[in-house]
C-alpha atoms as a PDB file:
ATOM      1  CA  MET A   1     138.610 206.829 136.322  1.00  0.00           C
ATOM      2  CA  ILE A   2     139.683 206.574 132.690  1.00  0.00           C
ATOM      3  CA  LYS A   3     141.881 203.743 131.476  1.00  0.00           C
ATOM      4  CA  GLU A   4     143.106 202.348 128.196  1.00  0.00           C
ATOM      5  CA  LYS A   5     143.021 198.581 128.335  1.00  0.00           C
ATOM      6  CA  ASP A   6     141.007 196.623 125.782  1.00  0.00           C
ATOM      7  CA  GLY A   7     139.386 199.813 124.517  1.00  0.00           C
ATOM      8  CA  ILE A   8     138.824 202.949 126.572  1.00  0.00           C
ATOM      9  CA  HIS A   9     137.234 202.374 129.985  1.00  0.00           C
ATOM     10  CA  ILE A  10     135.392 205.209 131.721  1.00  0.00           C
ATOM     11  CA  SER A  11     134.296 204.245 135.223  1.00  0.00           C
ATOM     12  CA  GLY A  12     131.880 206.043 137.518  1.00  0.00           C
ATOM     13  CA  GLU A  13     128.483 204.968 138.767  1.00  0.00           C
ATOM     14  CA  GLU A  14     128.329 203.062 135.480  1.00  0.00           C
ATOM     15  CA  LYS A  15     131.214 201.690 133.461  1.00  0.00           C
ATOM     16  CA  PHE A  16     131.356 202.848 129.840  1.00  0.00           C
ATOM     17  CA  VAL A  17     133.667 200.861 127.556  1.00  0.00           C
ATOM     18  CA  ALA A  18     134.413 202.291 124.111  1.00  0.00           C
ATOM     19  CA  ASP A  19     135.904 200.435 121.129  1.00  0.00           C
ATOM     20  CA  SER A  20     136.769 197.306 123.031  1.00  0.00           C
ATOM     21  CA  ARG A  21     137.054 193.994 121.236  1.00  0.00           C
ATOM     22  CA  LYS A  22     135.914 191.767 124.092  1.00  0.00           C
ATOM     23  CA  ALA A  23     135.956 193.719 127.359  1.00  0.00           C
ATOM     24  CA  LEU A  24     132.468 194.511 128.616  1.00  0.00           C
ATOM     25  CA  GLY A  25     131.064 197.434 130.564  1.00  0.00           C
ATOM     26  CA  ASP A  26     127.609 198.423 131.693  1.00  0.00           C
ATOM     27  CA  VAL A  27     127.490 200.359 128.422  1.00  0.00           C
ATOM     28  CA  ASN A  28     129.470 199.238 125.343  1.00  0.00           C
ATOM     29  CA  ILE A  29     130.159 201.860 122.668  1.00  0.00           C
ATOM     30  CA  ALA A  30     131.301 200.948 119.145  1.00  0.00           C
ATOM     31  CA  SER A  31     132.457 204.076 117.329  1.00  0.00           C
ATOM     32  CA  HIS A  32     132.835 202.475 113.896  1.00  0.00           C
ATOM     33  CA  ALA A  33     133.343 199.212 112.016  1.00  0.00           C
ATOM     34  CA  HIS A  34     137.089 199.017 111.411  1.00  0.00           C
ATOM     35  CA  MET A  35     138.368 195.719 112.752  1.00  0.00           C
ATOM     36  CA  ASP A  36     140.868 197.251 115.188  1.00  0.00           C
ATOM     37  CA  HIS A  37     137.839 198.782 116.939  1.00  0.00           C
ATOM     38  CA  ALA A  38     135.309 196.018 116.274  1.00  0.00           C
ATOM     39  CA  PHE A  39     133.186 194.890 119.222  1.00  0.00           C
ATOM     40  CA  GLN A  40     133.359 191.092 119.329  1.00  0.00           C
ATOM     41  CA  GLY A  41     131.930 190.410 122.780  1.00  0.00           C
ATOM     42  CA  ASP A  42     128.444 189.441 123.827  1.00  0.00           C
ATOM     43  CA  GLY A  43     125.870 192.067 124.642  1.00  0.00           C
ATOM     44  CA  LYS A  44     124.260 195.137 123.124  1.00  0.00           C
ATOM     45  CA  ILE A  45     126.210 198.031 121.649  1.00  0.00           C
ATOM     46  CA  VAL A  46     125.642 201.770 121.506  1.00  0.00           C
ATOM     47  CA  ALA A  47     126.420 202.564 117.871  1.00  0.00           C
ATOM     48  CA  SER A  48     124.892 203.929 114.704  1.00  0.00           C
ATOM     49  CA  ASP A  49     122.692 201.538 112.742  1.00  0.00           C
ATOM     50  CA  LEU A  50     125.139 201.576 109.810  1.00  0.00           C
ATOM     51  CA  THR A  51     128.058 200.670 112.082  1.00  0.00           C
ATOM     52  CA  ARG A  52     125.977 197.769 113.367  1.00  0.00           C
ATOM     53  CA  ARG A  53     125.230 196.605 109.791  1.00  0.00           C
ATOM     54  CA  LEU A  54     128.851 196.833 108.739  1.00  0.00           C
ATOM     55  CA  LEU A  55     130.034 194.994 111.862  1.00  0.00           C
ATOM     56  CA  GLU A  56     127.486 192.251 111.274  1.00  0.00           C
ATOM     57  CA  SER A  57     128.860 191.750 107.761  1.00  0.00           C
ATOM     58  CA  ARG A  58     132.454 191.674 108.949  1.00  0.00           C
ATOM     59  CA  LEU A  59     131.867 189.485 112.002  1.00  0.00           C
ATOM     60  CA  GLU A  60     129.222 187.322 110.297  1.00  0.00           C
ATOM     61  CA  ARG A  61     126.847 187.448 113.251  1.00  0.00           C
ATOM     62  CA  GLU A  62     123.971 189.599 114.434  1.00  0.00           C
ATOM     63  CA  LEU A  63     124.383 192.449 116.894  1.00  0.00           C
ATOM     64  CA  GLU A  64     121.792 194.302 118.930  1.00  0.00           C
ATOM     65  CA  LEU A  65     121.745 198.051 119.390  1.00  0.00           C
ATOM     66  CA  ASN A  66     121.327 199.724 122.754  1.00  0.00           C
ATOM     67  CA  GLU A  67     120.415 203.304 123.647  1.00  0.00           C
ATOM     68  CA  HIS A  68     121.527 205.127 126.769  1.00  0.00           C
ATOM     69  CA  PRO A  69     120.105 208.434 127.999  1.00  0.00           C
ATOM     70  CA  ASP A  70     123.562 209.724 128.962  1.00  0.00           C
ATOM     71  CA  VAL A  71     125.278 208.924 125.644  1.00  0.00           C
ATOM     72  CA  LYS A  72     124.783 211.124 122.606  1.00  0.00           C
ATOM     73  CA  LEU A  73     126.262 209.882 119.311  1.00  0.00           C
ATOM     74  CA  ILE A  74     127.677 212.503 116.917  1.00  0.00           C
ATOM     75  CA  ASP A  75     128.964 211.841 113.392  1.00  0.00           C
ATOM     76  CA  SER A  76     132.747 211.722 113.676  1.00  0.00           C
ATOM     77  CA  GLY A  77     133.534 212.181 109.969  1.00  0.00           C
ATOM     78  CA  HIS A  78     135.838 209.148 109.825  1.00  0.00           C
ATOM     79  CA  ILE A  79     133.918 206.614 107.725  1.00  0.00           C
ATOM     80  CA  LEU A  80     130.246 205.972 107.006  1.00  0.00           C
ATOM     81  CA  GLY A  81     128.447 205.247 110.267  1.00  0.00           C
ATOM     82  CA  SER A  82     131.300 206.392 112.505  1.00  0.00           C
ATOM     83  CA  THR A  83     130.370 208.330 115.626  1.00  0.00           C
ATOM     84  CA  ALA A  84     131.910 210.161 118.524  1.00  0.00           C
ATOM     85  CA  ALA A  85     130.220 209.768 121.920  1.00  0.00           C
ATOM     86  CA  LEU A  86     129.334 212.595 124.304  1.00  0.00           C
ATOM     87  CA  ILE A  87     128.913 210.990 127.723  1.00  0.00           C
ATOM     88  CA  LYS A  88     127.178 212.924 130.498  1.00  0.00           C
ATOM     89  CA  THR A  89     128.169 212.011 134.043  1.00  0.00           C
ATOM     90  CA  ASP A  90     126.933 213.690 137.224  1.00  0.00           C
ATOM     91  CA  ASP A  91     129.222 216.692 136.872  1.00  0.00           C
ATOM     92  CA  LYS A  92     131.251 216.250 133.662  1.00  0.00           C
ATOM     93  CA  ARG A  93     130.704 216.045 129.912  1.00  0.00           C
ATOM     94  CA  ILE A  94     133.179 213.550 128.431  1.00  0.00           C
ATOM     95  CA  LEU A  95     133.734 213.537 124.664  1.00  0.00           C
ATOM     96  CA  TYR A  96     135.218 210.377 123.186  1.00  0.00           C
ATOM     97  CA  THR A  97     136.029 210.996 119.515  1.00  0.00           C
ATOM     98  CA  GLY A  98     136.851 207.489 118.313  1.00  0.00           C
ATOM     99  CA  ASP A  99     138.715 207.872 115.005  1.00  0.00           C
ATOM    100  CA  VAL A 100     137.862 211.326 113.739  1.00  0.00           C
ATOM    101  CA  SER A 101     138.245 213.771 110.857  1.00  0.00           C
ATOM    102  CA  THR A 102     136.980 217.339 110.797  1.00  0.00           C
ATOM    103  CA  ARG A 103     137.444 217.575 106.994  1.00  0.00           C
ATOM    104  CA  ASN A 104     134.682 217.255 104.428  1.00  0.00           C
ATOM    105  CA  ARG A 105     135.855 214.569 102.004  1.00  0.00           C
ATOM    106  CA  ALA A 106     134.222 213.036  98.938  1.00  0.00           C
ATOM    107  CA  TYR A 107     130.666 212.256 100.124  1.00  0.00           C
ATOM    108  CA  ILE A 108     131.237 212.544 103.882  1.00  0.00           C
ATOM    109  CA  ASP A 109     130.977 215.569 106.198  1.00  0.00           C
ATOM    110  CA  GLY A 110     133.660 216.196 108.782  1.00  0.00           C
ATOM    111  CA  PHE A 111     133.181 216.129 112.553  1.00  0.00           C
ATOM    112  CA  ASP A 112     131.677 219.230 114.132  1.00  0.00           C
ATOM    113  CA  PRO A 113     133.238 219.554 117.616  1.00  0.00           C
ATOM    114  CA  VAL A 114     131.054 220.135 120.675  1.00  0.00           C
ATOM    115  CA  ASP A 115     131.892 221.582 124.085  1.00  0.00           C
ATOM    116  CA  ALA A 116     133.092 219.104 126.705  1.00  0.00           C
ATOM    117  CA  ASP A 117     134.869 219.143 130.054  1.00  0.00           C
ATOM    118  CA  ILE A 118     137.063 216.161 129.206  1.00  0.00           C
ATOM    119  CA  LEU A 119     138.223 215.195 125.728  1.00  0.00           C
ATOM    120  CA  ILE A 120     139.510 211.716 124.867  1.00  0.00           C
ATOM    121  CA  THR A 121     140.912 211.912 121.354  1.00  0.00           C
ATOM    122  CA  GLU A 122     142.889 209.771 118.978  1.00  0.00           C
ATOM    123  CA  SER A 123     146.198 211.381 117.962  1.00  0.00           C
ATOM    124  CA  THR A 124     147.252 209.247 114.999  1.00  0.00           C
ATOM    125  CA  TYR A 125     148.874 212.213 113.237  1.00  0.00           C
ATOM    126  CA  GLY A 126     149.722 214.241 116.327  1.00  0.00           C
ATOM    127  CA  ILE A 127     153.010 215.825 115.182  1.00  0.00           C
ATOM    128  CA  PRO A 128     153.593 218.798 112.827  1.00  0.00           C
ATOM    129  CA  ALA A 129     155.083 216.573 110.098  1.00  0.00           C
ATOM    130  CA  TYR A 130     151.501 215.520 109.361  1.00  0.00           C
ATOM    131  CA  LYS A 131     150.037 218.898 108.459  1.00  0.00           C
ATOM    132  CA  PHE A 132     147.939 217.885 105.473  1.00  0.00           C
ATOM    133  CA  PRO A 133     147.419 220.051 102.377  1.00  0.00           C
ATOM    134  CA  GLU A 134     143.977 221.536 101.847  1.00  0.00           C
ATOM    135  CA  GLN A 135     141.459 218.790 101.094  1.00  0.00           C
ATOM    136  CA  GLU A 136     140.253 220.474  97.906  1.00  0.00           C
ATOM    137  CA  GLN A 137     143.818 220.477  96.584  1.00  0.00           C
ATOM    138  CA  ILE A 138     144.330 216.811  97.481  1.00  0.00           C
ATOM    139  CA  GLU A 139     141.203 215.828  95.567  1.00  0.00           C
ATOM    140  CA  GLU A 140     142.131 218.014  92.590  1.00  0.00           C
ATOM    141  CA  ASN A 141     145.540 216.308  92.461  1.00  0.00           C
ATOM    142  CA  ILE A 142     143.834 212.905  92.496  1.00  0.00           C
ATOM    143  CA  LYS A 143     141.534 213.973  89.690  1.00  0.00           C
ATOM    144  CA  ALA A 144     144.385 215.219  87.489  1.00  0.00           C
ATOM    145  CA  TRP A 145     146.406 212.050  88.087  1.00  0.00           C
ATOM    146  CA  ILE A 146     143.543 209.661  87.307  1.00  0.00           C
ATOM    147  CA  GLU A 147     142.678 211.579  84.137  1.00  0.00           C
ATOM    148  CA  ARG A 148     146.204 211.274  82.733  1.00  0.00           C
ATOM    149  CA  THR A 149     146.983 207.731  83.932  1.00  0.00           C
ATOM    150  CA  GLU A 150     146.062 204.952  81.509  1.00  0.00           C
ATOM    151  CA  SER A 151     146.050 201.998  83.894  1.00  0.00           C
ATOM    152  CA  PRO A 152     145.636 203.066  87.564  1.00  0.00           C
ATOM    153  CA  PHE A 153     145.673 200.621  90.463  1.00  0.00           C
ATOM    154  CA  LEU A 154     144.361 202.329  93.610  1.00  0.00           C
ATOM    155  CA  PHE A 155     144.796 201.119  97.196  1.00  0.00           C
ATOM    156  CA  GLY A 156     143.151 202.015 100.507  1.00  0.00           C
ATOM    157  CA  TYR A 157     141.373 200.346 103.421  1.00  0.00           C
ATOM    158  CA  SER A 158     138.549 198.131 102.173  1.00  0.00           C
ATOM    159  CA  LEU A 159     136.023 199.943 104.386  1.00  0.00           C
ATOM    160  CA  GLY A 160     136.022 203.719 104.254  1.00  0.00           C
ATOM    161  CA  LYS A 161     138.952 204.735 102.071  1.00  0.00           C
ATOM    162  CA  ALA A 162     138.138 202.350  99.215  1.00  0.00           C
ATOM    163  CA  GLN A 163     134.594 203.700  98.909  1.00  0.00           C
ATOM    164  CA  LYS A 164     135.820 207.302  98.806  1.00  0.00           C
ATOM    165  CA  ILE A 165     138.403 206.376  96.161  1.00  0.00           C
ATOM    166  CA  GLN A 166     135.678 204.772  94.050  1.00  0.00           C
ATOM    167  CA  TRP A 167     133.430 207.816  94.483  1.00  0.00           C
ATOM    168  CA  LEU A 168     136.224 210.128  93.336  1.00  0.00           C
ATOM    169  CA  ALA A 169     137.147 207.887  90.391  1.00  0.00           C
ATOM    170  CA  GLN A 170     133.514 207.881  89.247  1.00  0.00           C
ATOM    171  CA  LYS A 171     133.559 211.675  89.232  1.00  0.00           C
ATOM    172  CA  PHE A 172     136.750 211.904  87.206  1.00  0.00           C
ATOM    173  CA  THR A 173     136.511 209.141  84.576  1.00  0.00           C
ATOM    174  CA  ASP A 174     134.106 206.894  82.704  1.00  0.00           C
ATOM    175  CA  LYS A 175     136.369 203.847  82.965  1.00  0.00           C
ATOM    176  CA  PRO A 176     134.771 200.844  84.694  1.00  0.00           C
ATOM    177  CA  LEU A 177     135.773 200.189  88.297  1.00  0.00           C
ATOM    178  CA  VAL A 178     137.117 196.725  89.178  1.00  0.00           C
ATOM    179  CA  ALA A 179     137.151 196.029  92.919  1.00  0.00           C
ATOM    180  CA  HIS A 180     138.840 193.389  95.061  1.00  0.00           C
ATOM    181  CA  GLY A 181     136.470 191.023  96.903  1.00  0.00           C
ATOM    182  CA  ALA A 182     137.079 192.648 100.288  1.00  0.00           C
ATOM    183  CA  VAL A 183     136.054 195.997  98.830  1.00  0.00           C
ATOM    184  CA  MET A 184     133.037 194.500  97.045  1.00  0.00           C
ATOM    185  CA  LYS A 185     131.814 193.005 100.332  1.00  0.00           C
ATOM    186  CA  MET A 186     131.816 196.411 102.020  1.00  0.00           C
ATOM    187  CA  ASN A 187     130.346 198.075  98.921  1.00  0.00           C
ATOM    188  CA  LYS A 188     127.305 195.805  99.122  1.00  0.00           C
ATOM    189  CA  VAL A 189     126.519 196.814 102.712  1.00  0.00           C
ATOM    190  CA  VAL A 190     127.040 200.504 101.984  1.00  0.00           C
ATOM    191  CA  GLU A 191     124.923 200.363  98.834  1.00  0.00           C
ATOM    192  CA  LYS A 192     122.125 198.539 100.674  1.00  0.00           C
ATOM    193  CA  HIS A 193     121.884 201.040 103.524  1.00  0.00           C
ATOM    194  CA  THR A 194     122.800 204.365 101.859  1.00  0.00           C
ATOM    195  CA  ASP A 195     122.133 206.203  98.591  1.00  0.00           C
ATOM    196  CA  LEU A 196     125.661 205.488  97.310  1.00  0.00           C
ATOM    197  CA  ASN A 197     126.257 203.194  94.347  1.00  0.00           C
ATOM    198  CA  PHE A 198     129.724 202.386  93.053  1.00  0.00           C
ATOM    199  CA  ASN A 199     128.839 200.124  90.100  1.00  0.00           C
ATOM    200  CA  ALA A 200     132.087 198.238  90.660  1.00  0.00           C
ATOM    201  CA  ARG A 201     132.784 194.923  88.944  1.00  0.00           C
ATOM    202  CA  PRO A 202     134.365 191.954  90.761  1.00  0.00           C
ATOM    203  CA  TYR A 203     138.119 191.559  90.315  1.00  0.00           C
ATOM    204  CA  GLY A 204     138.147 187.798  89.726  1.00  0.00           C
ATOM    205  CA  GLU A 205     135.871 188.015  86.697  1.00  0.00           C
ATOM    206  CA  ASN A 206     137.252 191.205  85.169  1.00  0.00           C
ATOM    207  CA  LYS A 207     141.023 190.879  85.104  1.00  0.00           C
ATOM    208  CA  GLY A 208     140.852 191.230  81.325  1.00  0.00           C
ATOM    209  CA  LEU A 209     139.686 194.829  81.673  1.00  0.00           C
ATOM    210  CA  LEU A 210     142.741 195.564  83.774  1.00  0.00           C
ATOM    211  CA  GLU A 211     145.192 193.732  81.517  1.00  0.00           C
ATOM    212  CA  ASN A 212     143.986 195.812  78.586  1.00  0.00           C
ATOM    213  CA  GLY A 213     144.175 199.063  80.533  1.00  0.00           C
ATOM    214  CA  GLU A 214     140.432 199.549  80.188  1.00  0.00           C
ATOM    215  CA  GLY A 215     139.541 199.559  83.900  1.00  0.00           C
ATOM    216  CA  ILE A 216     140.528 201.079  87.223  1.00  0.00           C
ATOM    217  CA  PHE A 217     141.399 198.691  90.042  1.00  0.00           C
ATOM    218  CA  ILE A 218     140.502 199.437  93.672  1.00  0.00           C
ATOM    219  CA  GLY A 219     141.848 197.121  96.354  1.00  0.00           C
ATOM    220  CA  PRO A 220     142.818 196.931 100.029  1.00  0.00           C
ATOM    221  CA  THR A 221     146.235 198.165 101.094  1.00  0.00           C
ATOM    222  CA  ARG A 222     147.381 194.652 102.044  1.00  0.00           C
ATOM    223  CA  PHE A 223     146.886 193.492  98.430  1.00  0.00           C
ATOM    224  CA  ALA A 224     149.275 196.074  96.940  1.00  0.00           C
ATOM    225  CA  LYS A 225     152.315 193.776  97.172  1.00  0.00           C
ATOM    226  CA  SER A 226     150.571 190.594  96.046  1.00  0.00           C
ATOM    227  CA  ASP A 227     152.528 188.677  93.391  1.00  0.00           C
ATOM    228  CA  ALA A 228     149.379 188.003  91.361  1.00  0.00           C
ATOM    229  CA  LEU A 229     148.406 191.650  91.440  1.00  0.00           C
ATOM    230  CA  ASN A 230     151.871 192.844  90.466  1.00  0.00           C
ATOM    231  CA  LYS A 231     151.949 190.496  87.474  1.00  0.00           C
ATOM    232  CA  LEU A 232     148.769 192.175  86.309  1.00  0.00           C
ATOM    233  CA  VAL A 233     150.254 195.624  86.927  1.00  0.00           C
ATOM    234  CA  ASN A 234     153.316 194.747  84.872  1.00  0.00           C
ATOM    235  CA  ALA A 235     151.270 193.225  82.045  1.00  0.00           C
ATOM    236  CA  SER A 236     149.179 196.380  81.702  1.00  0.00           C
ATOM    237  CA  ASN A 237     151.983 198.900  82.323  1.00  0.00           C
ATOM    238  CA  GLY A 238     149.922 199.878  85.343  1.00  0.00           C
ATOM    239  CA  VAL A 239     150.712 202.478  87.964  1.00  0.00           C
ATOM    240  CA  LYS A 240     150.019 201.873  91.676  1.00  0.00           C
ATOM    241  CA  ALA A 241     148.812 204.631  93.986  1.00  0.00           C
ATOM    242  CA  GLY A 242     148.392 204.541  97.766  1.00  0.00           C
ATOM    243  CA  PHE A 243     145.981 206.781  99.667  1.00  0.00           C
ATOM    244  CA  SER A 244     146.883 207.555 103.284  1.00  0.00           C
ATOM    245  CA  GLY A 245     147.889 210.326 105.619  1.00  0.00           C
ATOM    246  CA  TRP A 246     151.088 208.351 106.151  1.00  0.00           C
ATOM    247  CA  GLY A 247     151.904 209.369 102.569  1.00  0.00           C
ATOM    248  CA  MET A 248     153.288 212.618 104.000  1.00  0.00           C
ATOM    249  CA  ALA A 249     156.400 210.570 104.810  1.00  0.00           C
ATOM    250  CA  ASP A 250     158.561 209.084 102.027  1.00  0.00           C
ATOM    251  CA  GLN A 251     158.737 205.709 103.780  1.00  0.00           C
ATOM    252  CA  TYR A 252     155.078 205.008 103.055  1.00  0.00           C
ATOM    253  CA  LYS A 253     155.626 205.056  99.303  1.00  0.00           C
ATOM    254  CA  TYR A 254     158.531 202.634  99.392  1.00  0.00           C
ATOM    255  CA  ARG A 255     157.119 200.381 102.077  1.00  0.00           C
ATOM    256  CA  GLY A 256     153.923 199.890 100.088  1.00  0.00           C
ATOM    257  CA  GLY A 257     155.633 199.578  96.723  1.00  0.00           C
ATOM    258  CA  TYR A 258     153.616 202.483  95.299  1.00  0.00           C
ATOM    259  CA  ASP A 259     154.480 204.629  92.296  1.00  0.00           C
ATOM    260  CA  LYS A 260     152.379 207.511  93.597  1.00  0.00           C
ATOM    261  CA  VAL A 261     150.909 208.469  96.954  1.00  0.00           C
ATOM    262  CA  PHE A 262     148.230 210.926  98.016  1.00  0.00           C
ATOM    263  CA  PRO A 263     147.856 212.125 101.645  1.00  0.00           C
ATOM    264  CA  PHE A 264     144.122 211.444 101.551  1.00  0.00           C
ATOM    265  CA  SER A 265     143.261 210.577 105.140  1.00  0.00           C
ATOM    266  CA  ASP A 266     140.200 209.616 107.164  1.00  0.00           C
ATOM    267  CA  HIS A 267     141.833 211.043 110.303  1.00  0.00           C
ATOM    268  CA  CYS A 268     142.564 214.563 111.451  1.00  0.00           C
ATOM    269  CA  GLY A 269     145.932 215.931 110.439  1.00  0.00           C
ATOM    270  CA  PHE A 270     148.007 217.776 113.039  1.00  0.00           C
ATOM    271  CA  ASN A 271     146.449 221.192 112.417  1.00  0.00           C
ATOM    272  CA  ASP A 272     142.978 219.643 112.374  1.00  0.00           C
ATOM    273  CA  LEU A 273     143.593 218.034 115.775  1.00  0.00           C
ATOM    274  CA  VAL A 274     144.777 221.299 117.314  1.00  0.00           C
ATOM    275  CA  GLU A 275     141.774 223.199 115.953  1.00  0.00           C
ATOM    276  CA  MET A 276     139.387 220.494 117.175  1.00  0.00           C
ATOM    277  CA  VAL A 277     140.802 220.693 120.719  1.00  0.00           C
ATOM    278  CA  ARG A 278     140.428 224.476 120.696  1.00  0.00           C
ATOM    279  CA  LYS A 279     136.762 224.190 119.680  1.00  0.00           C
ATOM    280  CA  VAL A 280     135.969 221.553 122.307  1.00  0.00           C
ATOM    281  CA  ASP A 281     137.691 223.800 124.885  1.00  0.00           C
ATOM    282  CA  PRO A 282     138.119 221.044 127.507  1.00  0.00           C
ATOM    283  CA  GLU A 283     139.552 221.247 130.996  1.00  0.00           C
ATOM    284  CA  LYS A 284     141.571 218.086 130.395  1.00  0.00           C
ATOM    285  CA  VAL A 285     142.610 216.078 127.350  1.00  0.00           C
ATOM    286  CA  TYR A 286     143.581 212.439 127.046  1.00  0.00           C
ATOM    287  CA  THR A 287     145.349 211.371 123.851  1.00  0.00           C
ATOM    288  CA  HIS A 288     145.722 207.828 122.557  1.00  0.00           C
ATOM    289  CA  HIS A 289     147.000 206.056 119.437  1.00  0.00           C
ATOM    290  CA  GLY A 290     149.759 207.309 117.141  1.00  0.00           C
ATOM    291  CA  PHE A 291     151.785 210.257 118.380  1.00  0.00           C
ATOM    292  CA  ASP A 292     149.918 210.433 121.679  1.00  0.00           C
ATOM    293  CA  SER A 293     152.746 211.582 123.960  1.00  0.00           C
ATOM    294  CA  GLU A 294     153.993 214.107 121.417  1.00  0.00           C
ATOM    295  CA  PHE A 295     150.549 215.617 120.911  1.00  0.00           C
ATOM    296  CA  ALA A 296     149.827 215.825 124.633  1.00  0.00           C
ATOM    297  CA  SER A 297     153.176 217.567 125.167  1.00  0.00           C
ATOM    298  CA  TYR A 298     152.379 220.033 122.393  1.00  0.00           C
ATOM    299  CA  LEU A 299     148.994 220.862 123.922  1.00  0.00           C
ATOM    300  CA  LYS A 300     150.561 221.494 127.320  1.00  0.00           C
ATOM    301  CA  ARG A 301     153.496 223.495 125.970  1.00  0.00           C
ATOM    302  CA  GLU A 302     151.865 225.551 123.205  1.00  0.00           C
ATOM    303  CA  GLU A 303     148.171 225.649 124.102  1.00  0.00           C
ATOM    304  CA  GLY A 304     148.383 225.633 127.900  1.00  0.00           C
ATOM    305  CA  ILE A 305     145.987 222.691 128.108  1.00  0.00           C
ATOM    306  CA  ASN A 306     146.098 220.053 130.838  1.00  0.00           C
ATOM    307  CA  ALA A 307     146.838 217.060 128.581  1.00  0.00           C
ATOM    308  CA  ARG A 308     148.454 213.661 128.840  1.00  0.00           C
ATOM    309  CA  ALA A 309     148.856 210.510 126.823  1.00  0.00           C
ATOM    310  CA  LEU A 310     146.582 207.721 127.973  1.00  0.00           C
ATOM    311  CA  LYS A 311     148.674 204.590 128.341  1.00  0.00           C
ATOM    312  CA  GLU A 312     147.450 201.060 128.894  1.00  0.00           C
ATOM    313  CA  ASN A 313     146.085 200.480 132.412  1.00  0.00           C
ATOM    314  CA  GLN A 314     146.685 204.117 133.290  1.00  0.00           C
ATOM    315  CA  ALA A 315     145.307 206.627 134.666  1.00  0.00           C
ATOM    316  CA  SER A 316     142.815 208.477 136.830  1.00  0.00           C
ATOM    317  CA  LEU A 317     141.437 211.930 136.121  1.00  0.00           C
ATOM    318  CA  THR A 318     143.560 213.351 138.893  1.00  0.00           C
ATOM    319  CA  ASP A 319     146.727 211.625 137.687  1.00  0.00           C
ATOM    320  CA  PHE A 320     148.049 214.522 135.606  1.00  0.00           C
END
């Protein structure tokens, strides 16, 4: 039995619960440390050590790791520490991707699909409108834009995207990086537990660098429309850029108040999702999040795969 409730619930002799906030199973899997997936219940988690460290920083409490002989964690290529889970039951291999990207980006390697009988995959960008350009071209476009822009203000999720943006900016310019507090908090954990170092300066103490056009700002997406931030942008003749796969649609630019957008994503684009499914070669596919129904329909219609969208409190393996 597989259900989407608070997280993904996989029930057999043991109950595996993946990316739940508070629901508990016999085995609790945390694929990564974004807050919409963050395990906030009591008990041990099956996760990478870096995911545990990042969650502890975000939740401000300690967590204990668990290991299970029937769960193999595989780097999912989403953010640092993120993992997919290959779950072995008596007669099936179930692959839960969590959030996933098969693309190599900045300092992170993409997910390498493995064979499974059942695939449970996110489908955030599961329609053809979200066929992303080649990653090398996206990063070259970012480089060229940063090099010719005097006062850039860059926005992405404080964990994951913001670190990749900083890494790219360091490669393309010698200007000092000035990071919002939410980004700095995640930087500190990443720098402590990896070989990465962003050398970013705190925003509150370095606004002068931004006013004078001498620095590059990196902040969370939610801060892009802040009045205080926009006063600083105006004072420095700054230019705001958003980084997201949603940037393939014009609405993203206007909704975020950006001057420039780049479709730099930490998820699979449509073509990436299709290719991943082909490589896993499953008997059945469950999709969830984003364009789940659309992607399941595409897989059935064009790929001949037994697929369906996994809706809340639905469904059994035989319920196709």
